Amino acid sequence: MTPPSTPPVLIMAGMHRSGTSLTAAILGSAGLDIGRHLLGADADNPHGHFEDVDFLLLHQRILTANGLSPDGFIDSGDPAVPAAMRSEAQNLADTRRAGAVPWGWKEPRTVLFLDFWERLLPEARFLFVFRRPWEVLDSLFRRGNTEFVENPRLALDVWCHYNSRILDLARRSPEKCLVVESTQVVADPAALVAAVRTRLSVPIGFPSPQYEAGLFHQEHGSWRPWLVRQLCPRAYDLYLELRSLADSRSQLPELTDEPASLATALEAALAEWSRTGRAEARRG
């Protein structure tokens, strides 16, 4: 049950490596209380993750209780929330609500528990960030997670699972959801904050500069978008649906099934095979 005079809560989520850290930094600079105990910086996020550790640890424990990877790299299913952890989530939410100011959190695994949080926090609003699947895969592969070294296709399936869940909630409850592409966050942070303020009715101020161009790789022309569409047409279709929902005007890759495109993709894959072989030889 929602307490009287409950401050608004903004839940920020998206697939891993999709720009949610930058989004949370922007909203935090505009006055949203994103937590006091935030995950620190590392090589992947040199300015910090802007991620509430209490929610992170809760989600990891739930995943572990379900026999799943705490990283949340799953491609299907809805992890069950044990009773004890439901109580912990309620206490965590009540503590944050007590601040009597607009608050929220960013944590990618939240996407796996959207139904749970929607029931627990009926006043919640959701800000979802998505990124081109080939760019997410590239970022995940560069990190070297064991799951994706052993099974590269899993990264694509996880991207689909996360973004399918986002799309489902956004369609079911459009009045409480805002979907944006990472390129929109980068291009106009002030417009993002304004949309949160007006469309989601979260009373926050104005953002300070957060973005450094070199920290967010965008890829427009290569064989990778073509490969993603060939391997998983669903991923490309999902991306197009999310773009439409976000009214995104980002550049689309030029894709064609002509033999010349296939030859280009295969040549690029062969060259990457060569580079990977040399890198393995140096490590060996």
C-alpha atoms as a PDB file:
ATOM      1  CA  MET A   1       0.000   0.000   0.000  1.00  0.00           C
ATOM      2  CA  THR A   2       1.305   3.455  -0.871  1.00  0.00           C
ATOM      3  CA  PRO A   3       1.792   5.678   2.201  1.00  0.00           C
ATOM      4  CA  PRO A   4       0.147   9.136   2.115  1.00  0.00           C
ATOM      5  CA  SER A   5       2.244  11.931   0.613  1.00  0.00           C
ATOM      6  CA  THR A   6       4.655   9.417  -0.887  1.00  0.00           C
ATOM      7  CA  PRO A   7       7.483  11.081  -2.822  1.00  0.00           C
ATOM      8  CA  PRO A   8       7.800  10.001  -6.446  1.00  0.00           C
ATOM      9  CA  VAL A   9      10.258   7.231  -7.269  1.00  0.00           C
ATOM     10  CA  LEU A  10      12.048   6.883 -10.604  1.00  0.00           C
ATOM     11  CA  ILE A  11      13.394   3.435 -11.458  1.00  0.00           C
ATOM     12  CA  MET A  12      16.177   3.654 -14.069  1.00  0.00           C
ATOM     13  CA  ALA A  13      17.088   0.449 -15.869  1.00  0.00           C
ATOM     14  CA  GLY A  14      18.227  -1.137 -19.088  1.00  0.00           C
ATOM     15  CA  MET A  15      20.415  -3.893 -20.425  1.00  0.00           C
ATOM     16  CA  HIS A  16      23.989  -3.876 -19.106  1.00  0.00           C
ATOM     17  CA  ARG A  17      26.336  -1.523 -21.006  1.00  0.00           C
ATOM     18  CA  SER A  18      23.440   0.553 -22.374  1.00  0.00           C
ATOM     19  CA  GLY A  19      24.142   3.958 -20.841  1.00  0.00           C
ATOM     20  CA  THR A  20      22.248   3.636 -17.565  1.00  0.00           C
ATOM     21  CA  SER A  21      25.214   4.909 -15.535  1.00  0.00           C
ATOM     22  CA  LEU A  22      25.355   8.115 -17.553  1.00  0.00           C
ATOM     23  CA  THR A  23      21.576   8.460 -17.264  1.00  0.00           C
ATOM     24  CA  ALA A  24      21.665   8.088 -13.476  1.00  0.00           C
ATOM     25  CA  ALA A  25      24.509  10.607 -13.238  1.00  0.00           C
ATOM     26  CA  ILE A  26      22.459  13.140 -15.210  1.00  0.00           C
ATOM     27  CA  LEU A  27      19.326  12.637 -13.126  1.00  0.00           C
ATOM     28  CA  GLY A  28      21.334  12.749  -9.916  1.00  0.00           C
ATOM     29  CA  SER A  29      22.866  16.068 -10.946  1.00  0.00           C
ATOM     30  CA  ALA A  30      19.334  17.380 -11.527  1.00  0.00           C
ATOM     31  CA  GLY A  31      18.325  16.672  -7.934  1.00  0.00           C
ATOM     32  CA  LEU A  32      17.036  13.094  -7.923  1.00  0.00           C
ATOM     33  CA  ASP A  33      18.181  11.221  -4.803  1.00  0.00           C
ATOM     34  CA  ILE A  34      19.867   8.177  -6.373  1.00  0.00           C
ATOM     35  CA  GLY A  35      21.218   6.793  -3.092  1.00  0.00           C
ATOM     36  CA  ARG A  36      24.020   7.350  -0.627  1.00  0.00           C
ATOM     37  CA  HIS A  37      25.890   4.065  -1.078  1.00  0.00           C
ATOM     38  CA  LEU A  38      26.872   3.970  -4.743  1.00  0.00           C
ATOM     39  CA  LEU A  39      29.053   1.492  -6.622  1.00  0.00           C
ATOM     40  CA  GLY A  40      32.455   3.040  -7.271  1.00  0.00           C
ATOM     41  CA  ALA A  41      34.470   3.551 -10.420  1.00  0.00           C
ATOM     42  CA  ASP A  42      36.326   0.886 -12.369  1.00  0.00           C
ATOM     43  CA  ALA A  43      37.905   0.480 -15.809  1.00  0.00           C
ATOM     44  CA  ASP A  44      34.480   0.166 -17.459  1.00  0.00           C
ATOM     45  CA  ASN A  45      33.001   3.201 -15.702  1.00  0.00           C
ATOM     46  CA  PRO A  46      35.883   5.473 -14.684  1.00  0.00           C
ATOM     47  CA  HIS A  47      33.533   8.093 -13.214  1.00  0.00           C
ATOM     48  CA  GLY A  48      31.489   5.567 -11.259  1.00  0.00           C
ATOM     49  CA  HIS A  49      28.396   3.441 -11.898  1.00  0.00           C
ATOM     50  CA  PHE A  50      25.944   5.689 -10.009  1.00  0.00           C
ATOM     51  CA  GLU A  51      24.377   2.414  -8.893  1.00  0.00           C
ATOM     52  CA  ASP A  52      22.697   1.917  -5.525  1.00  0.00           C
ATOM     53  CA  VAL A  53      24.616  -0.926  -3.868  1.00  0.00           C
ATOM     54  CA  ASP A  54      21.675  -1.905  -1.624  1.00  0.00           C
ATOM     55  CA  PHE A  55      19.485  -2.660  -4.637  1.00  0.00           C
ATOM     56  CA  LEU A  56      22.398  -4.298  -6.448  1.00  0.00           C
ATOM     57  CA  LEU A  57      23.109  -6.709  -3.592  1.00  0.00           C
ATOM     58  CA  LEU A  58      19.415  -7.484  -3.133  1.00  0.00           C
ATOM     59  CA  HIS A  59      19.019  -8.394  -6.800  1.00  0.00           C
ATOM     60  CA  GLN A  60      22.190 -10.486  -6.743  1.00  0.00           C
ATOM     61  CA  ARG A  61      20.973 -12.457  -3.721  1.00  0.00           C
ATOM     62  CA  ILE A  62      17.607 -13.099  -5.377  1.00  0.00           C
ATOM     63  CA  LEU A  63      19.308 -14.353  -8.521  1.00  0.00           C
ATOM     64  CA  THR A  64      21.619 -16.598  -6.486  1.00  0.00           C
ATOM     65  CA  ALA A  65      18.622 -17.975  -4.548  1.00  0.00           C
ATOM     66  CA  ASN A  66      17.154 -18.970  -7.914  1.00  0.00           C
ATOM     67  CA  GLY A  67      20.365 -20.767  -8.891  1.00  0.00           C
ATOM     68  CA  LEU A  68      21.195 -18.074 -11.455  1.00  0.00           C
ATOM     69  CA  SER A  69      24.229 -15.951 -12.195  1.00  0.00           C
ATOM     70  CA  PRO A  70      24.366 -12.906  -9.899  1.00  0.00           C
ATOM     71  CA  ASP A  71      25.406 -10.911 -12.961  1.00  0.00           C
ATOM     72  CA  GLY A  72      21.883 -11.348 -14.295  1.00  0.00           C
ATOM     73  CA  PHE A  73      23.019 -12.700 -17.649  1.00  0.00           C
ATOM     74  CA  ILE A  74      19.910 -14.796 -18.263  1.00  0.00           C
ATOM     75  CA  ASP A  75      17.964 -15.115 -21.487  1.00  0.00           C
ATOM     76  CA  SER A  76      14.545 -16.207 -20.220  1.00  0.00           C
ATOM     77  CA  GLY A  77      12.339 -16.566 -17.179  1.00  0.00           C
ATOM     78  CA  ASP A  78      11.237 -14.529 -14.181  1.00  0.00           C
ATOM     79  CA  PRO A  79      13.332 -15.086 -11.042  1.00  0.00           C
ATOM     80  CA  ALA A  80      11.108 -15.686  -7.997  1.00  0.00           C
ATOM     81  CA  VAL A  81      11.577 -13.347  -5.028  1.00  0.00           C
ATOM     82  CA  PRO A  82      11.748 -15.317  -1.751  1.00  0.00           C
ATOM     83  CA  ALA A  83       9.519 -14.089   1.102  1.00  0.00           C
ATOM     84  CA  ALA A  84      12.433 -12.901   3.233  1.00  0.00           C
ATOM     85  CA  MET A  85      13.768 -10.844   0.347  1.00  0.00           C
ATOM     86  CA  ARG A  86      10.333  -9.377  -0.338  1.00  0.00           C
ATOM     87  CA  SER A  87      10.393  -8.049   3.231  1.00  0.00           C
ATOM     88  CA  GLU A  88      13.913  -6.723   2.699  1.00  0.00           C
ATOM     89  CA  ALA A  89      12.801  -4.943  -0.459  1.00  0.00           C
ATOM     90  CA  GLN A  90       9.845  -3.391   1.367  1.00  0.00           C
ATOM     91  CA  ASN A  91      12.105  -2.150   4.165  1.00  0.00           C
ATOM     92  CA  LEU A  92      14.586  -0.747   1.671  1.00  0.00           C
ATOM     93  CA  ALA A  93      11.837   1.105  -0.173  1.00  0.00           C
ATOM     94  CA  ASP A  94      10.312   2.429   3.059  1.00  0.00           C
ATOM     95  CA  THR A  95      13.702   3.742   4.180  1.00  0.00           C
ATOM     96  CA  ARG A  96      14.227   5.577   0.902  1.00  0.00           C
ATOM     97  CA  ARG A  97      10.660   6.917   0.924  1.00  0.00           C
ATOM     98  CA  ALA A  98      11.251   8.413   4.362  1.00  0.00           C
ATOM     99  CA  GLY A  99      13.545  11.004   2.800  1.00  0.00           C
ATOM    100  CA  ALA A 100      10.401  12.783   1.521  1.00  0.00           C
ATOM    101  CA  VAL A 101      12.171  13.841  -1.702  1.00  0.00           C
ATOM    102  CA  PRO A 102      12.045  12.486  -5.265  1.00  0.00           C
ATOM    103  CA  TRP A 103      14.244   9.408  -5.279  1.00  0.00           C
ATOM    104  CA  GLY A 104      15.149   6.427  -7.376  1.00  0.00           C
ATOM    105  CA  TRP A 105      17.822   3.968  -8.294  1.00  0.00           C
ATOM    106  CA  LYS A 106      19.735   2.639 -11.254  1.00  0.00           C
ATOM    107  CA  GLU A 107      20.567  -1.065 -11.503  1.00  0.00           C
ATOM    108  CA  PRO A 108      20.444  -3.067 -14.766  1.00  0.00           C
ATOM    109  CA  ARG A 109      19.180  -6.268 -13.099  1.00  0.00           C
ATOM    110  CA  THR A 110      16.035  -4.368 -12.103  1.00  0.00           C
ATOM    111  CA  VAL A 111      14.712  -5.264 -15.574  1.00  0.00           C
ATOM    112  CA  LEU A 112      14.425  -8.880 -14.382  1.00  0.00           C
ATOM    113  CA  PHE A 113      12.129  -7.812 -11.509  1.00  0.00           C
ATOM    114  CA  LEU A 114       9.886  -5.190 -13.111  1.00  0.00           C
ATOM    115  CA  ASP A 115       6.619  -6.886 -12.142  1.00  0.00           C
ATOM    116  CA  PHE A 116       7.788  -7.219  -8.552  1.00  0.00           C
ATOM    117  CA  TRP A 117       8.795  -3.572  -8.191  1.00  0.00           C
ATOM    118  CA  GLU A 118       5.694  -2.339 -10.003  1.00  0.00           C
ATOM    119  CA  ARG A 119       3.516  -4.127  -7.437  1.00  0.00           C
ATOM    120  CA  LEU A 120       5.622  -3.067  -4.458  1.00  0.00           C
ATOM    121  CA  LEU A 121       5.891   0.582  -5.530  1.00  0.00           C
ATOM    122  CA  PRO A 122       2.629   1.572  -7.246  1.00  0.00           C
ATOM    123  CA  GLU A 123       3.832   5.191  -7.351  1.00  0.00           C
ATOM    124  CA  ALA A 124       6.929   4.215  -9.356  1.00  0.00           C
ATOM    125  CA  ARG A 125       7.814   5.667 -12.714  1.00  0.00           C
ATOM    126  CA  PHE A 126      10.241   3.895 -15.058  1.00  0.00           C
ATOM    127  CA  LEU A 127      12.978   5.352 -17.220  1.00  0.00           C
ATOM    128  CA  PHE A 128      14.337   2.738 -19.619  1.00  0.00           C
ATOM    129  CA  VAL A 129      17.511   3.177 -21.670  1.00  0.00           C
ATOM    130  CA  PHE A 130      18.320   0.961 -24.637  1.00  0.00           C
ATOM    131  CA  ARG A 131      21.351   0.809 -26.900  1.00  0.00           C
ATOM    132  CA  ARG A 132      22.056  -0.754 -30.293  1.00  0.00           C
ATOM    133  CA  PRO A 133      22.540  -4.501 -29.777  1.00  0.00           C
ATOM    134  CA  TRP A 134      25.820  -4.661 -31.728  1.00  0.00           C
ATOM    135  CA  GLU A 135      27.288  -1.896 -29.542  1.00  0.00           C
ATOM    136  CA  VAL A 136      26.196  -3.654 -26.350  1.00  0.00           C
ATOM    137  CA  LEU A 137      27.722  -6.921 -27.561  1.00  0.00           C
ATOM    138  CA  ASP A 138      30.968  -5.191 -28.421  1.00  0.00           C
ATOM    139  CA  SER A 139      31.138  -3.652 -24.941  1.00  0.00           C
ATOM    140  CA  LEU A 140      30.382  -6.971 -23.239  1.00  0.00           C
ATOM    141  CA  PHE A 141      32.963  -8.823 -25.315  1.00  0.00           C
ATOM    142  CA  ARG A 142      35.597  -6.202 -24.497  1.00  0.00           C
ATOM    143  CA  ARG A 143      34.952  -6.766 -20.792  1.00  0.00           C
ATOM    144  CA  GLY A 144      35.727 -10.455 -21.237  1.00  0.00           C
ATOM    145  CA  ASN A 145      32.937 -11.957 -19.113  1.00  0.00           C
ATOM    146  CA  THR A 146      33.443 -15.718 -18.967  1.00  0.00           C
ATOM    147  CA  GLU A 147      29.842 -16.450 -19.984  1.00  0.00           C
ATOM    148  CA  PHE A 148      30.300 -14.679 -23.304  1.00  0.00           C
ATOM    149  CA  VAL A 149      33.742 -16.041 -24.030  1.00  0.00           C
ATOM    150  CA  GLU A 150      32.299 -19.543 -23.781  1.00  0.00           C
ATOM    151  CA  ASN A 151      29.006 -18.693 -25.508  1.00  0.00           C
ATOM    152  CA  PRO A 152      29.052 -15.426 -27.497  1.00  0.00           C
ATOM    153  CA  ARG A 153      25.476 -15.934 -28.692  1.00  0.00           C
ATOM    154  CA  LEU A 154      24.280 -15.672 -25.077  1.00  0.00           C
ATOM    155  CA  ALA A 155      25.040 -11.941 -25.084  1.00  0.00           C
ATOM    156  CA  LEU A 156      22.596 -11.425 -27.931  1.00  0.00           C
ATOM    157  CA  ASP A 157      19.913 -13.543 -26.260  1.00  0.00           C
ATOM    158  CA  VAL A 158      20.334 -11.654 -22.974  1.00  0.00           C
ATOM    159  CA  TRP A 159      19.978  -8.345 -24.848  1.00  0.00           C
ATOM    160  CA  CYS A 160      16.706  -9.618 -26.317  1.00  0.00           C
ATOM    161  CA  HIS A 161      15.376 -10.823 -22.960  1.00  0.00           C
ATOM    162  CA  TYR A 162      16.064  -7.530 -21.181  1.00  0.00           C
ATOM    163  CA  ASN A 163      14.692  -5.350 -23.933  1.00  0.00           C
ATOM    164  CA  SER A 164      11.626  -7.533 -24.459  1.00  0.00           C
ATOM    165  CA  ARG A 165      10.728  -7.026 -20.807  1.00  0.00           C
ATOM    166  CA  ILE A 166      11.205  -3.284 -21.186  1.00  0.00           C
ATOM    167  CA  LEU A 167       8.978  -3.216 -24.247  1.00  0.00           C
ATOM    168  CA  ASP A 168       6.275  -5.281 -22.515  1.00  0.00           C
ATOM    169  CA  LEU A 169       5.975  -2.895 -19.560  1.00  0.00           C
ATOM    170  CA  ALA A 170       6.194   0.207 -21.735  1.00  0.00           C
ATOM    171  CA  ARG A 171       3.303  -1.065 -23.857  1.00  0.00           C
ATOM    172  CA  ARG A 172       1.245  -2.185 -20.883  1.00  0.00           C
ATOM    173  CA  SER A 173       1.702   0.966 -18.812  1.00  0.00           C
ATOM    174  CA  PRO A 174       2.761   3.799 -21.142  1.00  0.00           C
ATOM    175  CA  GLU A 175       1.635   6.445 -18.654  1.00  0.00           C
ATOM    176  CA  LYS A 176       4.358   5.465 -16.190  1.00  0.00           C
ATOM    177  CA  CYS A 177       7.192   4.648 -18.612  1.00  0.00           C
ATOM    178  CA  LEU A 178       9.683   6.708 -20.590  1.00  0.00           C
ATOM    179  CA  VAL A 179      11.877   4.863 -23.102  1.00  0.00           C
ATOM    180  CA  VAL A 180      14.966   6.561 -24.533  1.00  0.00           C
ATOM    181  CA  GLU A 181      17.866   5.504 -26.719  1.00  0.00           C
ATOM    182  CA  SER A 182      21.342   6.027 -25.328  1.00  0.00           C
ATOM    183  CA  THR A 183      22.079   8.366 -28.234  1.00  0.00           C
ATOM    184  CA  GLN A 184      19.278  10.651 -27.031  1.00  0.00           C
ATOM    185  CA  VAL A 185      20.761  10.741 -23.538  1.00  0.00           C
ATOM    186  CA  VAL A 186      24.127  11.735 -24.966  1.00  0.00           C
ATOM    187  CA  ALA A 187      22.775  14.284 -27.435  1.00  0.00           C
ATOM    188  CA  ASP A 188      20.499  16.254 -25.112  1.00  0.00           C
ATOM    189  CA  PRO A 189      20.628  15.576 -21.348  1.00  0.00           C
ATOM    190  CA  ALA A 190      18.469  18.634 -20.666  1.00  0.00           C
ATOM    191  CA  ALA A 191      15.690  17.237 -22.873  1.00  0.00           C
ATOM    192  CA  LEU A 192      15.887  13.932 -21.017  1.00  0.00           C
ATOM    193  CA  VAL A 193      15.489  15.650 -17.655  1.00  0.00           C
ATOM    194  CA  ALA A 194      12.651  17.795 -18.995  1.00  0.00           C
ATOM    195  CA  ALA A 195      10.827  14.655 -20.198  1.00  0.00           C
ATOM    196  CA  VAL A 196      11.221  13.035 -16.779  1.00  0.00           C
ATOM    197  CA  ARG A 197       9.906  16.204 -15.163  1.00  0.00           C
ATOM    198  CA  THR A 198       6.891  16.679 -17.449  1.00  0.00           C
ATOM    199  CA  ARG A 199       5.934  13.253 -18.778  1.00  0.00           C
ATOM    200  CA  LEU A 200       6.658  11.282 -15.605  1.00  0.00           C
ATOM    201  CA  SER A 201       5.830  14.090 -13.137  1.00  0.00           C
ATOM    202  CA  VAL A 202       9.069  13.768 -11.179  1.00  0.00           C
ATOM    203  CA  PRO A 203       9.880  17.243  -9.778  1.00  0.00           C
ATOM    204  CA  ILE A 204      13.601  17.698 -10.369  1.00  0.00           C
ATOM    205  CA  GLY A 205      15.789  20.599 -11.474  1.00  0.00           C
ATOM    206  CA  PHE A 206      18.323  20.945 -14.279  1.00  0.00           C
ATOM    207  CA  PRO A 207      21.355  18.749 -15.006  1.00  0.00           C
ATOM    208  CA  SER A 208      25.028  19.605 -14.940  1.00  0.00           C
ATOM    209  CA  PRO A 209      27.397  18.373 -17.695  1.00  0.00           C
ATOM    210  CA  GLN A 210      28.231  14.679 -17.226  1.00  0.00           C
ATOM    211  CA  TYR A 211      29.227  13.283 -20.585  1.00  0.00           C
ATOM    212  CA  GLU A 212      32.716  12.810 -22.021  1.00  0.00           C
ATOM    213  CA  ALA A 213      32.617  11.870 -25.691  1.00  0.00           C
ATOM    214  CA  GLY A 214      35.480   9.377 -25.487  1.00  0.00           C
ATOM    215  CA  LEU A 215      33.701   7.244 -22.886  1.00  0.00           C
ATOM    216  CA  PHE A 216      30.742   6.195 -25.017  1.00  0.00           C
ATOM    217  CA  HIS A 217      31.523   4.299 -28.204  1.00  0.00           C
ATOM    218  CA  GLN A 218      29.006   4.530 -31.041  1.00  0.00           C
ATOM    219  CA  GLU A 219      29.312   2.432 -34.150  1.00  0.00           C
ATOM    220  CA  HIS A 220      27.577   3.436 -37.375  1.00  0.00           C
ATOM    221  CA  GLY A 221      29.157   1.490 -40.195  1.00  0.00           C
ATOM    222  CA  SER A 222      30.581  -2.008 -39.991  1.00  0.00           C
ATOM    223  CA  TRP A 223      29.661  -5.636 -40.574  1.00  0.00           C
ATOM    224  CA  ARG A 224      28.408  -6.106 -37.002  1.00  0.00           C
ATOM    225  CA  PRO A 225      24.851  -4.761 -37.445  1.00  0.00           C
ATOM    226  CA  TRP A 226      24.488  -7.017 -40.479  1.00  0.00           C
ATOM    227  CA  LEU A 227      25.718 -10.018 -38.472  1.00  0.00           C
ATOM    228  CA  VAL A 228      23.297  -9.287 -35.608  1.00  0.00           C
ATOM    229  CA  ARG A 229      20.346  -9.122 -37.978  1.00  0.00           C
ATOM    230  CA  GLN A 230      21.379 -12.362 -39.708  1.00  0.00           C
ATOM    231  CA  LEU A 231      21.912 -14.262 -36.470  1.00  0.00           C
ATOM    232  CA  CYS A 232      18.902 -12.874 -34.622  1.00  0.00           C
ATOM    233  CA  PRO A 233      16.301 -10.971 -36.643  1.00  0.00           C
ATOM    234  CA  ARG A 234      14.285 -10.627 -33.424  1.00  0.00           C
ATOM    235  CA  ALA A 235      17.025  -8.464 -31.897  1.00  0.00           C
ATOM    236  CA  TYR A 236      17.022  -6.086 -34.838  1.00  0.00           C
ATOM    237  CA  ASP A 237      13.218  -5.910 -34.884  1.00  0.00           C
ATOM    238  CA  LEU A 238      13.178  -5.238 -31.133  1.00  0.00           C
ATOM    239  CA  TYR A 239      15.651  -2.429 -31.626  1.00  0.00           C
ATOM    240  CA  LEU A 240      13.453  -0.866 -34.303  1.00  0.00           C
ATOM    241  CA  GLU A 241      10.375  -1.112 -32.053  1.00  0.00           C
ATOM    242  CA  LEU A 242      12.201   0.562 -29.185  1.00  0.00           C
ATOM    243  CA  ARG A 243      13.450   3.303 -31.518  1.00  0.00           C
ATOM    244  CA  SER A 244       9.888   3.966 -32.607  1.00  0.00           C
ATOM    245  CA  LEU A 245       8.660   4.092 -29.014  1.00  0.00           C
ATOM    246  CA  ALA A 246      11.458   6.519 -28.114  1.00  0.00           C
ATOM    247  CA  ASP A 247      10.905   8.588 -31.265  1.00  0.00           C
ATOM    248  CA  SER A 248      14.645   8.257 -31.859  1.00  0.00           C
ATOM    249  CA  ARG A 249      16.241   9.800 -34.920  1.00  0.00           C
ATOM    250  CA  SER A 250      19.614   8.115 -34.525  1.00  0.00           C
ATOM    251  CA  GLN A 251      21.408   6.931 -37.642  1.00  0.00           C
ATOM    252  CA  LEU A 252      20.458   3.455 -38.805  1.00  0.00           C
ATOM    253  CA  PRO A 253      23.034   1.194 -40.451  1.00  0.00           C
ATOM    254  CA  GLU A 254      22.721   0.545 -44.149  1.00  0.00           C
ATOM    255  CA  LEU A 255      21.859  -3.129 -44.322  1.00  0.00           C
ATOM    256  CA  THR A 256      21.418  -5.186 -47.421  1.00  0.00           C
ATOM    257  CA  ASP A 257      21.395  -8.881 -48.199  1.00  0.00           C
ATOM    258  CA  GLU A 258      23.252  -8.425 -51.455  1.00  0.00           C
ATOM    259  CA  PRO A 259      26.185 -10.835 -52.011  1.00  0.00           C
ATOM    260  CA  ALA A 260      28.637  -7.931 -51.760  1.00  0.00           C
ATOM    261  CA  SER A 261      27.476  -7.238 -48.206  1.00  0.00           C
ATOM    262  CA  LEU A 262      27.922 -10.877 -47.280  1.00  0.00           C
ATOM    263  CA  ALA A 263      31.430 -10.840 -48.739  1.00  0.00           C
ATOM    264  CA  THR A 264      32.307  -7.687 -46.754  1.00  0.00           C
ATOM    265  CA  ALA A 265      31.015  -9.196 -43.528  1.00  0.00           C
ATOM    266  CA  LEU A 266      32.913 -12.434 -44.058  1.00  0.00           C
ATOM    267  CA  GLU A 267      36.140 -10.606 -44.880  1.00  0.00           C
ATOM    268  CA  ALA A 268      35.780  -8.559 -41.704  1.00  0.00           C
ATOM    269  CA  ALA A 269      35.076 -11.687 -39.649  1.00  0.00           C
ATOM    270  CA  LEU A 270      38.196 -13.337 -41.122  1.00  0.00           C
ATOM    271  CA  ALA A 271      40.315 -10.304 -40.224  1.00  0.00           C
ATOM    272  CA  GLU A 272      38.960 -10.325 -36.672  1.00  0.00           C
ATOM    273  CA  TRP A 273      39.724 -14.049 -36.427  1.00  0.00           C
ATOM    274  CA  SER A 274      43.300 -13.218 -37.383  1.00  0.00           C
ATOM    275  CA  ARG A 275      43.573 -10.480 -34.738  1.00  0.00           C
ATOM    276  CA  THR A 276      42.089 -12.761 -32.082  1.00  0.00           C
ATOM    277  CA  GLY A 277      44.560 -15.497 -32.973  1.00  0.00           C
ATOM    278  CA  ARG A 278      47.507 -13.138 -32.609  1.00  0.00           C
ATOM    279  CA  ALA A 279      46.194 -11.883 -29.257  1.00  0.00           C
ATOM    280  CA  GLU A 280      45.861 -15.461 -27.978  1.00  0.00           C
ATOM    281  CA  ALA A 281      49.376 -16.258 -29.154  1.00  0.00           C
ATOM    282  CA  ARG A 282      50.773 -13.290 -27.233  1.00  0.00           C
ATOM    283  CA  ARG A 283      48.924 -14.357 -24.065  1.00  0.00           C
ATOM    284  CA  GLY A 284      50.177 -17.944 -24.495  1.00  0.00           C
END
